[in-house]
Amino acid sequence: HAAPHPAFADSLPFRTALVELAEGPWLQVRLTGAEPATPV
């Protein structure tokens, strides 16, 4: 909800996530597209 960098100011709020890849490592990404109100 608060821009961690000025370049994010126009895209608030946004979701960031940890994803466990099929190969095993975790990758931090920004979630994009049409998402449900509450991810699971």
ModelCIF file with pLDDT and N, C-alpha, C, O atoms, coordinates in Angstrom:
data_MODEL
#
_entry.id   MODEL 
#
_entity.id                         1 
_entity.type                       polymer 
_entity.pdbx_number_of_molecules   1 
#
_entity_poly.entity_id                      1 
_entity_poly.type                           'polypeptide(L)' 
_entity_poly.nstd_linkage                   no 
_entity_poly.nstd_monomer                   no 
_entity_poly.pdbx_seq_one_letter_code       HAAPHPAFADSLPFRTALVELAEGPWLQVRLTGAEPATPV 
_entity_poly.pdbx_seq_one_letter_code_can   HAAPHPAFADSLPFRTALVELAEGPWLQVRLTGAEPATPV 
_entity_poly.pdbx_strand_id                 A 
#
loop_
_entity_poly_seq.entity_id 
_entity_poly_seq.num 
_entity_poly_seq.mon_id 
_entity_poly_seq.hetero 
1 1  HIS n 
1 2  ALA n 
1 3  ALA n 
1 4  PRO n 
1 5  HIS n 
1 6  PRO n 
1 7  ALA n 
1 8  PHE n 
1 9  ALA n 
1 10 ASP n 
1 11 SER n 
1 12 LEU n 
1 13 PRO n 
1 14 PHE n 
1 15 ARG n 
1 16 THR n 
1 17 ALA n 
1 18 LEU n 
1 19 VAL n 
1 20 GLU n 
1 21 LEU n 
1 22 ALA n 
1 23 GLU n 
1 24 GLY n 
1 25 PRO n 
1 26 TRP n 
1 27 LEU n 
1 28 GLN n 
1 29 VAL n 
1 30 ARG n 
1 31 LEU n 
1 32 THR n 
1 33 GLY n 
1 34 ALA n 
1 35 GLU n 
1 36 PRO n 
1 37 ALA n 
1 38 THR n 
1 39 PRO n 
1 40 VAL n 
#
_struct_asym.id          A 
_struct_asym.entity_id   1 
#
loop_
_ma_qa_metric.id 
_ma_qa_metric.mode 
_ma_qa_metric.name 
_ma_qa_metric.software_group_id 
_ma_qa_metric.type 
1 global pLDDT . pLDDT 
2 local  pLDDT . pLDDT 
#
_ma_qa_metric_global.metric_id      1 
_ma_qa_metric_global.metric_value   87.72 
_ma_qa_metric_global.model_id       1 
_ma_qa_metric_global.ordinal_id     1 
#
loop_
_ma_qa_metric_local.label_asym_id 
_ma_qa_metric_local.label_comp_id 
_ma_qa_metric_local.label_seq_id 
_ma_qa_metric_local.metric_id 
_ma_qa_metric_local.metric_value 
_ma_qa_metric_local.model_id 
_ma_qa_metric_local.ordinal_id 
A HIS 1  2 94.00 1 1  
A ALA 2  2 94.00 1 2  
A ALA 3  2 88.00 1 3  
A PRO 4  2 87.00 1 4  
A HIS 5  2 85.00 1 5  
A PRO 6  2 88.00 1 6  
A ALA 7  2 84.00 1 7  
A PHE 8  2 83.00 1 8  
A ALA 9  2 86.00 1 9  
A ASP 10 2 85.00 1 10 
A SER 11 2 85.00 1 11 
A LEU 12 2 89.00 1 12 
A PRO 13 2 90.00 1 13 
A PHE 14 2 88.00 1 14 
A ARG 15 2 91.00 1 15 
A THR 16 2 92.00 1 16 
A ALA 17 2 94.00 1 17 
A LEU 18 2 97.00 1 18 
A VAL 19 2 97.00 1 19 
A GLU 20 2 98.00 1 20 
A LEU 21 2 98.00 1 21 
A ALA 22 2 98.00 1 22 
A GLU 23 2 98.00 1 23 
A GLY 24 2 97.00 1 24 
A PRO 25 2 98.00 1 25 
A TRP 26 2 97.00 1 26 
A LEU 27 2 97.00 1 27 
A GLN 28 2 96.00 1 28 
A VAL 29 2 95.00 1 29 
A ARG 30 2 92.00 1 30 
A LEU 31 2 90.00 1 31 
A THR 32 2 82.00 1 32 
A GLY 33 2 67.00 1 33 
A ALA 34 2 63.00 1 34 
A GLU 35 2 63.00 1 35 
A PRO 36 2 63.00 1 36 
A ALA 37 2 70.00 1 37 
A THR 38 2 76.00 1 38 
A PRO 39 2 85.00 1 39 
A VAL 40 2 89.00 1 40 
#
loop_
_atom_site.group_PDB 
_atom_site.id 
_atom_site.type_symbol 
_atom_site.label_atom_id 
_atom_site.label_alt_id 
_atom_site.label_comp_id 
_atom_site.label_asym_id 
_atom_site.label_entity_id 
_atom_site.label_seq_id 
_atom_site.pdbx_PDB_ins_code 
_atom_site.Cartn_x 
_atom_site.Cartn_y 
_atom_site.Cartn_z 
_atom_site.occupancy 
_atom_site.B_iso_or_equiv 
_atom_site.pdbx_formal_charge 
_atom_site.auth_seq_id 
_atom_site.auth_comp_id 
_atom_site.auth_asym_id 
_atom_site.auth_atom_id 
_atom_site.pdbx_PDB_model_num 
ATOM 1   N N  . HIS A 1 1  ? 0.814   -1.225  0.000   1.00 94.00 ? 1  HIS A N  1 
ATOM 2   C CA . HIS A 1 1  ? 0.000   0.000   0.000   1.00 94.00 ? 1  HIS A CA 1 
ATOM 3   C C  . HIS A 1 1  ? 0.842   1.266   0.000   1.00 94.00 ? 1  HIS A C  1 
ATOM 4   O O  . HIS A 1 1  ? 0.346   2.337   -0.348  1.00 94.00 ? 1  HIS A O  1 
ATOM 5   N N  . ALA A 1 2  ? 2.105   1.158   0.385   1.00 94.00 ? 2  ALA A N  1 
ATOM 6   C CA . ALA A 1 2  ? 3.008   2.310   0.412   1.00 94.00 ? 2  ALA A CA 1 
ATOM 7   C C  . ALA A 1 2  ? 4.158   2.025   -0.556  1.00 94.00 ? 2  ALA A C  1 
ATOM 8   O O  . ALA A 1 2  ? 4.814   0.988   -0.462  1.00 94.00 ? 2  ALA A O  1 
ATOM 9   N N  . ALA A 1 3  ? 4.392   2.937   -1.471  1.00 88.00 ? 3  ALA A N  1 
ATOM 10  C CA . ALA A 1 3  ? 5.398   2.733   -2.518  1.00 88.00 ? 3  ALA A CA 1 
ATOM 11  C C  . ALA A 1 3  ? 6.796   2.593   -1.918  1.00 88.00 ? 3  ALA A C  1 
ATOM 12  O O  . ALA A 1 3  ? 7.274   3.514   -1.256  1.00 88.00 ? 3  ALA A O  1 
ATOM 13  N N  . PRO A 1 4  ? 7.469   1.438   -2.141  1.00 87.00 ? 4  PRO A N  1 
ATOM 14  C CA . PRO A 1 4  ? 8.829   1.282   -1.647  1.00 87.00 ? 4  PRO A CA 1 
ATOM 15  C C  . PRO A 1 4  ? 9.845   2.032   -2.506  1.00 87.00 ? 4  PRO A C  1 
ATOM 16  O O  . PRO A 1 4  ? 11.015  2.138   -2.140  1.00 87.00 ? 4  PRO A O  1 
ATOM 17  N N  . HIS A 1 5  ? 9.399   2.549   -3.639  1.00 85.00 ? 5  HIS A N  1 
ATOM 18  C CA . HIS A 1 5  ? 10.234  3.322   -4.568  1.00 85.00 ? 5  HIS A CA 1 
ATOM 19  C C  . HIS A 1 5  ? 9.277   4.254   -5.316  1.00 85.00 ? 5  HIS A C  1 
ATOM 20  O O  . HIS A 1 5  ? 8.151   3.850   -5.606  1.00 85.00 ? 5  HIS A O  1 
ATOM 21  N N  . PRO A 1 6  ? 9.681   5.476   -5.634  1.00 88.00 ? 6  PRO A N  1 
ATOM 22  C CA . PRO A 1 6  ? 8.779   6.412   -6.324  1.00 88.00 ? 6  PRO A CA 1 
ATOM 23  C C  . PRO A 1 6  ? 8.186   5.858   -7.627  1.00 88.00 ? 6  PRO A C  1 
ATOM 24  O O  . PRO A 1 6  ? 7.088   6.256   -8.015  1.00 88.00 ? 6  PRO A O  1 
ATOM 25  N N  . ALA A 1 7  ? 8.887   4.955   -8.300  1.00 84.00 ? 7  ALA A N  1 
ATOM 26  C CA . ALA A 1 7  ? 8.378   4.409   -9.561  1.00 84.00 ? 7  ALA A CA 1 
ATOM 27  C C  . ALA A 1 7  ? 7.136   3.541   -9.371  1.00 84.00 ? 7  ALA A C  1 
ATOM 28  O O  . ALA A 1 7  ? 6.433   3.255   -10.340 1.00 84.00 ? 7  ALA A O  1 
ATOM 29  N N  . PHE A 1 8  ? 6.855   3.119   -8.137  1.00 83.00 ? 8  PHE A N  1 
ATOM 30  C CA . PHE A 1 8  ? 5.668   2.309   -7.854  1.00 83.00 ? 8  PHE A CA 1 
ATOM 31  C C  . PHE A 1 8  ? 4.438   3.147   -7.506  1.00 83.00 ? 8  PHE A C  1 
ATOM 32  O O  . PHE A 1 8  ? 3.337   2.607   -7.404  1.00 83.00 ? 8  PHE A O  1 
ATOM 33  N N  . ALA A 1 9  ? 4.609   4.443   -7.323  1.00 86.00 ? 9  ALA A N  1 
ATOM 34  C CA . ALA A 1 9  ? 3.549   5.299   -6.792  1.00 86.00 ? 9  ALA A CA 1 
ATOM 35  C C  . ALA A 1 9  ? 2.234   5.202   -7.561  1.00 86.00 ? 9  ALA A C  1 
ATOM 36  O O  . ALA A 1 9  ? 1.166   5.233   -6.949  1.00 86.00 ? 9  ALA A O  1 
ATOM 37  N N  . ASP A 1 10 ? 2.287   5.085   -8.882  1.00 85.00 ? 10 ASP A N  1 
ATOM 38  C CA . ASP A 1 10 ? 1.054   5.054   -9.674  1.00 85.00 ? 10 ASP A CA 1 
ATOM 39  C C  . ASP A 1 10 ? 0.422   3.674   -9.777  1.00 85.00 ? 10 ASP A C  1 
ATOM 40  O O  . ASP A 1 10 ? -0.616  3.523   -10.420 1.00 85.00 ? 10 ASP A O  1 
ATOM 41  N N  . SER A 1 11 ? 1.023   2.668   -9.160  1.00 85.00 ? 11 SER A N  1 
ATOM 42  C CA . SER A 1 11 ? 0.471   1.317   -9.292  1.00 85.00 ? 11 SER A CA 1 
ATOM 43  C C  . SER A 1 11 ? -0.004  0.719   -7.969  1.00 85.00 ? 11 SER A C  1 
ATOM 44  O O  . SER A 1 11 ? -0.218  -0.489  -7.867  1.00 85.00 ? 11 SER A O  1 
ATOM 45  N N  . LEU A 1 12 ? -0.165  1.568   -6.962  1.00 89.00 ? 12 LEU A N  1 
ATOM 46  C CA . LEU A 1 12 ? -0.627  1.091   -5.658  1.00 89.00 ? 12 LEU A CA 1 
ATOM 47  C C  . LEU A 1 12 ? -2.124  0.861   -5.652  1.00 89.00 ? 12 LEU A C  1 
ATOM 48  O O  . LEU A 1 12 ? -2.846  1.548   -6.374  1.00 89.00 ? 12 LEU A O  1 
ATOM 49  N N  . PRO A 1 13 ? -2.617  -0.079  -4.866  1.00 90.00 ? 13 PRO A N  1 
ATOM 50  C CA . PRO A 1 13 ? -1.865  -1.153  -4.234  1.00 90.00 ? 13 PRO A CA 1 
ATOM 51  C C  . PRO A 1 13 ? -1.536  -2.235  -5.266  1.00 90.00 ? 13 PRO A C  1 
ATOM 52  O O  . PRO A 1 13 ? -2.178  -2.328  -6.312  1.00 90.00 ? 13 PRO A O  1 
ATOM 53  N N  . PHE A 1 14 ? -0.520  -3.054  -4.951  1.00 88.00 ? 14 PHE A N  1 
ATOM 54  C CA . PHE A 1 14 ? -0.204  -4.201  -5.798  1.00 88.00 ? 14 PHE A CA 1 
ATOM 55  C C  . PHE A 1 14 ? 0.215   -5.356  -4.907  1.00 88.00 ? 14 PHE A C  1 
ATOM 56  O O  . PHE A 1 14 ? 0.533   -5.172  -3.732  1.00 88.00 ? 14 PHE A O  1 
ATOM 57  N N  . ARG A 1 15 ? 0.210   -6.548  -5.483  1.00 91.00 ? 15 ARG A N  1 
ATOM 58  C CA . ARG A 1 15 ? 0.573   -7.747  -4.722  1.00 91.00 ? 15 ARG A CA 1 
ATOM 59  C C  . ARG A 1 15 ? 1.971   -8.214  -5.093  1.00 91.00 ? 15 ARG A C  1 
ATOM 60  O O  . ARG A 1 15 ? 2.369   -8.199  -6.257  1.00 91.00 ? 15 ARG A O  1 
ATOM 61  N N  . THR A 1 16 ? 2.694   -8.625  -4.077  1.00 92.00 ? 16 THR A N  1 
ATOM 62  C CA . THR A 1 16 ? 3.971   -9.297  -4.273  1.00 92.00 ? 16 THR A CA 1 
ATOM 63  C C  . THR A 1 16 ? 3.833   -10.671 -3.633  1.00 92.00 ? 16 THR A C  1 
ATOM 64  O O  . THR A 1 16 ? 3.074   -10.836 -2.678  1.00 92.00 ? 16 THR A O  1 
ATOM 65  N N  . ALA A 1 17 ? 4.558   -11.657 -4.148  1.00 94.00 ? 17 ALA A N  1 
ATOM 66  C CA . ALA A 1 17 ? 4.335   -13.018 -3.674  1.00 94.00 ? 17 ALA A CA 1 
ATOM 67  C C  . ALA A 1 17 ? 5.599   -13.845 -3.693  1.00 94.00 ? 17 ALA A C  1 
ATOM 68  O O  . ALA A 1 17 ? 6.556   -13.539 -4.403  1.00 94.00 ? 17 ALA A O  1 
ATOM 69  N N  . LEU A 1 18 ? 5.583   -14.905 -2.894  1.00 97.00 ? 18 LEU A N  1 
ATOM 70  C CA . LEU A 1 18 ? 6.583   -15.948 -2.954  1.00 97.00 ? 18 LEU A CA 1 
ATOM 71  C C  . LEU A 1 18 ? 5.938   -17.136 -3.646  1.00 97.00 ? 18 LEU A C  1 
ATOM 72  O O  . LEU A 1 18 ? 4.859   -17.586 -3.261  1.00 97.00 ? 18 LEU A O  1 
ATOM 73  N N  . VAL A 1 19 ? 6.609   -17.635 -4.665  1.00 97.00 ? 19 VAL A N  1 
ATOM 74  C CA . VAL A 1 19 ? 6.112   -18.773 -5.427  1.00 97.00 ? 19 VAL A CA 1 
ATOM 75  C C  . VAL A 1 19 ? 7.129   -19.896 -5.303  1.00 97.00 ? 19 VAL A C  1 
ATOM 76  O O  . VAL A 1 19 ? 8.320   -19.692 -5.534  1.00 97.00 ? 19 VAL A O  1 
ATOM 77  N N  . GLU A 1 20 ? 6.655   -21.087 -4.937  1.00 98.00 ? 20 GLU A N  1 
ATOM 78  C CA . GLU A 1 20 ? 7.521   -22.263 -4.951  1.00 98.00 ? 20 GLU A CA 1 
ATOM 79  C C  . GLU A 1 20 ? 7.434   -22.865 -6.342  1.00 98.00 ? 20 GLU A C  1 
ATOM 80  O O  . GLU A 1 20 ? 6.393   -23.385 -6.742  1.00 98.00 ? 20 GLU A O  1 
ATOM 81  N N  . LEU A 1 21 ? 8.529   -22.790 -7.070  1.00 98.00 ? 21 LEU A N  1 
ATOM 82  C CA . LEU A 1 21 ? 8.560   -23.285 -8.436  1.00 98.00 ? 21 LEU A CA 1 
ATOM 83  C C  . LEU A 1 21 ? 8.523   -24.811 -8.459  1.00 98.00 ? 21 LEU A C  1 
ATOM 84  O O  . LEU A 1 21 ? 8.899   -25.460 -7.483  1.00 98.00 ? 21 LEU A O  1 
ATOM 85  N N  . ALA A 1 22 ? 8.075   -25.374 -9.565  1.00 98.00 ? 22 ALA A N  1 
ATOM 86  C CA . ALA A 1 22 ? 7.987   -26.830 -9.716  1.00 98.00 ? 22 ALA A CA 1 
ATOM 87  C C  . ALA A 1 22 ? 9.330   -27.503 -9.441  1.00 98.00 ? 22 ALA A C  1 
ATOM 88  O O  . ALA A 1 22 ? 9.373   -28.635 -8.961  1.00 98.00 ? 22 ALA A O  1 
ATOM 89  N N  . GLU A 1 23 ? 10.422  -26.809 -9.746  1.00 98.00 ? 23 GLU A N  1 
ATOM 90  C CA . GLU A 1 23 ? 11.762  -27.354 -9.542  1.00 98.00 ? 23 GLU A CA 1 
ATOM 91  C C  . GLU A 1 23 ? 12.229  -27.265 -8.087  1.00 98.00 ? 23 GLU A C  1 
ATOM 92  O O  . GLU A 1 23 ? 13.239  -27.870 -7.727  1.00 98.00 ? 23 GLU A O  1 
ATOM 93  N N  . GLY A 1 24 ? 11.508  -26.519 -7.249  1.00 97.00 ? 24 GLY A N  1 
ATOM 94  C CA . GLY A 1 24 ? 11.845  -26.432 -5.831  1.00 97.00 ? 24 GLY A CA 1 
ATOM 95  C C  . GLY A 1 24 ? 12.188  -25.064 -5.282  1.00 97.00 ? 24 GLY A C  1 
ATOM 96  O O  . GLY A 1 24 ? 11.737  -24.732 -4.186  1.00 97.00 ? 24 GLY A O  1 
ATOM 97  N N  . PRO A 1 25 ? 12.970  -24.243 -5.992  1.00 98.00 ? 25 PRO A N  1 
ATOM 98  C CA . PRO A 1 25 ? 13.318  -22.943 -5.413  1.00 98.00 ? 25 PRO A CA 1 
ATOM 99  C C  . PRO A 1 25 ? 12.095  -22.026 -5.286  1.00 98.00 ? 25 PRO A C  1 
ATOM 100 O O  . PRO A 1 25 ? 11.091  -22.188 -5.980  1.00 98.00 ? 25 PRO A O  1 
ATOM 101 N N  . TRP A 1 26 ? 12.221  -21.082 -4.393  1.00 97.00 ? 26 TRP A N  1 
ATOM 102 C CA . TRP A 1 26 ? 11.197  -20.052 -4.248  1.00 97.00 ? 26 TRP A CA 1 
ATOM 103 C C  . TRP A 1 26 ? 11.647  -18.827 -5.020  1.00 97.00 ? 26 TRP A C  1 
ATOM 104 O O  . TRP A 1 26 ? 12.832  -18.492 -5.039  1.00 97.00 ? 26 TRP A O  1 
ATOM 105 N N  . LEU A 1 27 ? 10.694  -18.161 -5.655  1.00 97.00 ? 27 LEU A N  1 
ATOM 106 C CA . LEU A 1 27 ? 10.967  -16.962 -6.433  1.00 97.00 ? 27 LEU A CA 1 
ATOM 107 C C  . LEU A 1 27 ? 10.013  -15.865 -5.966  1.00 97.00 ? 27 LEU A C  1 
ATOM 108 O O  . LEU A 1 27 ? 8.805   -16.086 -5.877  1.00 97.00 ? 27 LEU A O  1 
ATOM 109 N N  . GLN A 1 28 ? 10.552  -14.691 -5.669  1.00 96.00 ? 28 GLN A N  1 
ATOM 110 C CA . GLN A 1 28 ? 9.701   -13.561 -5.303  1.00 96.00 ? 28 GLN A CA 1 
ATOM 111 C C  . GLN A 1 28 ? 9.304   -12.850 -6.587  1.00 96.00 ? 28 GLN A C  1 
ATOM 112 O O  . GLN A 1 28 ? 10.159  -12.491 -7.396  1.00 96.00 ? 28 GLN A O  1 
ATOM 113 N N  . VAL A 1 29 ? 8.000   -12.646 -6.772  1.00 95.00 ? 29 VAL A N  1 
ATOM 114 C CA . VAL A 1 29 ? 7.474   -12.008 -7.978  1.00 95.00 ? 29 VAL A CA 1 
ATOM 115 C C  . VAL A 1 29 ? 6.359   -11.040 -7.606  1.00 95.00 ? 29 VAL A C  1 
ATOM 116 O O  . VAL A 1 29 ? 5.836   -11.051 -6.492  1.00 95.00 ? 29 VAL A O  1 
ATOM 117 N N  . ARG A 1 30 ? 6.025   -10.224 -8.557  1.00 92.00 ? 30 ARG A N  1 
ATOM 118 C CA . ARG A 1 30 ? 4.844   -9.378  -8.444  1.00 92.00 ? 30 ARG A CA 1 
ATOM 119 C C  . ARG A 1 30 ? 3.702   -10.129 -9.099  1.00 92.00 ? 30 ARG A C  1 
ATOM 120 O O  . ARG A 1 30 ? 3.857   -10.643 -10.206 1.00 92.00 ? 30 ARG A O  1 
ATOM 121 N N  . LEU A 1 31 ? 2.545   -10.202 -8.427  1.00 90.00 ? 31 LEU A N  1 
ATOM 122 C CA . LEU A 1 31 ? 1.377   -10.861 -9.018  1.00 90.00 ? 31 LEU A CA 1 
ATOM 123 C C  . LEU A 1 31 ? 0.679   -9.878  -9.949  1.00 90.00 ? 31 LEU A C  1 
ATOM 124 O O  . LEU A 1 31 ? 0.439   -8.728  -9.581  1.00 90.00 ? 31 LEU A O  1 
ATOM 125 N N  . THR A 1 32 ? 0.359   -10.330 -11.142 1.00 82.00 ? 32 THR A N  1 
ATOM 126 C CA . THR A 1 32 ? -0.285  -9.483  -12.131 1.00 82.00 ? 32 THR A CA 1 
ATOM 127 C C  . THR A 1 32 ? -1.547  -10.164 -12.638 1.00 82.00 ? 32 THR A C  1 
ATOM 128 O O  . THR A 1 32 ? -1.822  -11.320 -12.313 1.00 82.00 ? 32 THR A O  1 
ATOM 129 N N  . GLY A 1 33 ? -2.310  -9.427  -13.441 1.00 67.00 ? 33 GLY A N  1 
ATOM 130 C CA . GLY A 1 33 ? -3.516  -9.984  -14.049 1.00 67.00 ? 33 GLY A CA 1 
ATOM 131 C C  . GLY A 1 33 ? -4.691  -9.935  -13.097 1.00 67.00 ? 33 GLY A C  1 
ATOM 132 O O  . GLY A 1 33 ? -4.621  -9.352  -12.015 1.00 67.00 ? 33 GLY A O  1 
ATOM 133 N N  . ALA A 1 34 ? -5.766  -10.560 -13.522 1.00 63.00 ? 34 ALA A N  1 
ATOM 134 C CA . ALA A 1 34 ? -6.998  -10.588 -12.722 1.00 63.00 ? 34 ALA A CA 1 
ATOM 135 C C  . ALA A 1 34 ? -6.847  -11.642 -11.634 1.00 63.00 ? 34 ALA A C  1 
ATOM 136 O O  . ALA A 1 34 ? -6.825  -12.840 -11.918 1.00 63.00 ? 34 ALA A O  1 
ATOM 137 N N  . GLU A 1 35 ? -6.744  -11.194 -10.398 1.00 63.00 ? 35 GLU A N  1 
ATOM 138 C CA . GLU A 1 35 ? -6.611  -12.118 -9.287  1.00 63.00 ? 35 GLU A CA 1 
ATOM 139 C C  . GLU A 1 35 ? -7.862  -12.071 -8.424  1.00 63.00 ? 35 GLU A C  1 
ATOM 140 O O  . GLU A 1 35 ? -8.602  -11.087 -8.451  1.00 63.00 ? 35 GLU A O  1 
ATOM 141 N N  . PRO A 1 36 ? -8.099  -13.122 -7.664  1.00 63.00 ? 36 PRO A N  1 
ATOM 142 C CA . PRO A 1 36 ? -9.222  -13.085 -6.723  1.00 63.00 ? 36 PRO A CA 1 
ATOM 143 C C  . PRO A 1 36 ? -8.971  -12.053 -5.631  1.00 63.00 ? 36 PRO A C  1 
ATOM 144 O O  . PRO A 1 36 ? -7.835  -11.638 -5.401  1.00 63.00 ? 36 PRO A O  1 
ATOM 145 N N  . ALA A 1 37 ? -10.041 -11.649 -4.964  1.00 70.00 ? 37 ALA A N  1 
ATOM 146 C CA . ALA A 1 37 ? -9.915  -10.664 -3.889  1.00 70.00 ? 37 ALA A CA 1 
ATOM 147 C C  . ALA A 1 37 ? -8.961  -11.169 -2.806  1.00 70.00 ? 37 ALA A C  1 
ATOM 148 O O  . ALA A 1 37 ? -8.186  -10.390 -2.250  1.00 70.00 ? 37 ALA A O  1 
ATOM 149 N N  . THR A 1 38 ? -9.013  -12.457 -2.506  1.00 76.00 ? 38 THR A N  1 
ATOM 150 C CA . THR A 1 38 ? -8.118  -13.042 -1.515  1.00 76.00 ? 38 THR A CA 1 
ATOM 151 C C  . THR A 1 38 ? -7.455  -14.277 -2.117  1.00 76.00 ? 38 THR A C  1 
ATOM 152 O O  . THR A 1 38 ? -8.113  -15.302 -2.297  1.00 76.00 ? 38 THR A O  1 
ATOM 153 N N  . PRO A 1 39 ? -6.168  -14.194 -2.428  1.00 85.00 ? 39 PRO A N  1 
ATOM 154 C CA . PRO A 1 39 ? -5.465  -15.383 -2.956  1.00 85.00 ? 39 PRO A CA 1 
ATOM 155 C C  . PRO A 1 39 ? -5.461  -16.506 -1.920  1.00 85.00 ? 39 PRO A C  1 
ATOM 156 O O  . PRO A 1 39 ? -5.673  -16.266 -0.731  1.00 85.00 ? 39 PRO A O  1 
ATOM 157 N N  . VAL A 1 40 ? -5.221  -17.711 -2.375  1.00 89.00 ? 40 VAL A N  1 
ATOM 158 C CA . VAL A 1 40 ? -5.182  -18.871 -1.498  1.00 89.00 ? 40 VAL A CA 1 
ATOM 159 C C  . VAL A 1 40 ? -3.824  -19.554 -1.642  1.00 89.00 ? 40 VAL A C  1 
ATOM 160 O O  . VAL A 1 40 ? -3.569  -20.564 -0.987  1.00 89.00 ? 40 VAL A O  1 
#
